Amino acid sequence: MIKRANQLPYGLGAGIVTKDINKVFKFSEKLRAGTVYVNCYDYTEGITPFGGFKDSGIGKDQGD
């Protein structure tokens, strides 16, 4: 599943739905996405860095 997701030309956001926190860490480390949402999608705080990978942008806004 991770390989399939990473083959997409875009990488702005990804979502993981699970009850297992260990799966969250395992999958999120391997996903090439700017934001990885857990058990929700498109929720951010105003101070959350925002950006993407691949054709979804370069770098992060409000990041280091």
Protein backbone atom coordinates (compact mmCIF):
# COMPACT_ATOMS: atom_id res chain seq x y z
CA MET A 1 0.00 0.00 0.00
CA ILE A 2 2.83 2.41 0.81
CA LYS A 3 4.56 1.68 -2.49
CA ARG A 4 1.32 2.35 -4.38
CA ALA A 5 0.75 5.65 -2.54
CA ASN A 6 4.33 6.80 -3.12
CA GLN A 7 4.11 6.07 -6.87
CA LEU A 8 1.53 8.83 -7.32
CA PRO A 9 2.89 12.05 -8.84
CA TYR A 10 1.54 14.12 -5.94
CA GLY A 11 2.39 14.20 -2.27
CA LEU A 12 0.55 17.01 -0.53
CA GLY A 13 -1.37 14.93 2.02
CA ALA A 14 -2.04 11.36 3.04
CA GLY A 15 -4.43 9.79 5.52
CA ILE A 16 -4.11 6.79 7.80
CA VAL A 17 -7.14 5.28 9.52
CA THR A 18 -6.30 2.76 12.25
CA LYS A 19 -6.68 2.00 15.95
CA ASP A 20 -3.04 0.81 16.16
CA ILE A 21 -0.61 3.65 16.96
CA ASN A 22 2.33 1.44 15.96
CA LYS A 23 0.94 1.25 12.42
CA VAL A 24 0.71 5.05 12.36
CA PHE A 25 4.43 5.39 13.08
CA LYS A 26 5.37 2.59 10.68
CA PHE A 27 3.36 3.97 7.75
CA SER A 28 3.89 7.70 8.31
CA GLU A 29 7.68 7.37 8.28
CA LYS A 30 7.54 5.75 4.84
CA LEU A 31 4.93 7.94 3.14
CA ARG A 32 6.20 10.69 0.83
CA ALA A 33 3.57 13.27 1.76
CA GLY A 34 3.72 16.75 3.20
CA THR A 35 1.06 16.11 5.83
CA VAL A 36 -0.02 12.74 7.16
CA TYR A 37 -3.44 12.85 8.80
CA VAL A 38 -4.40 10.19 11.36
CA ASN A 39 -8.06 9.20 11.70
CA CYS A 40 -9.14 12.46 10.05
CA TYR A 41 -8.35 14.44 6.91
CA ASP A 42 -7.72 18.07 6.09
CA TYR A 43 -7.54 19.27 9.69
CA THR A 44 -4.68 21.61 10.63
CA GLU A 45 -3.90 24.29 13.14
CA GLY A 46 -2.73 27.72 12.01
CA ILE A 47 0.85 27.05 13.09
CA THR A 48 1.14 23.66 11.37
CA PRO A 49 3.85 23.59 8.66
CA PHE A 50 2.30 23.05 5.23
CA GLY A 51 3.88 21.75 2.04
CA GLY A 52 4.26 18.76 -0.19
CA PHE A 53 6.50 16.37 -2.06
CA LYS A 54 6.93 15.68 -5.76
CA ASP A 55 4.52 17.67 -8.00
CA SER A 56 2.76 19.09 -4.93
CA GLY A 57 5.33 21.72 -4.15
CA ILE A 58 8.75 22.51 -2.83
CA GLY A 59 9.49 22.93 0.86
CA LYS A 60 7.19 23.89 3.67
CA ASP A 61 5.38 27.09 4.66
CA GLN A 62 5.88 27.92 8.35
CA GLY A 63 8.52 25.18 8.59
CA ASP A 64 12.15 25.23 9.64
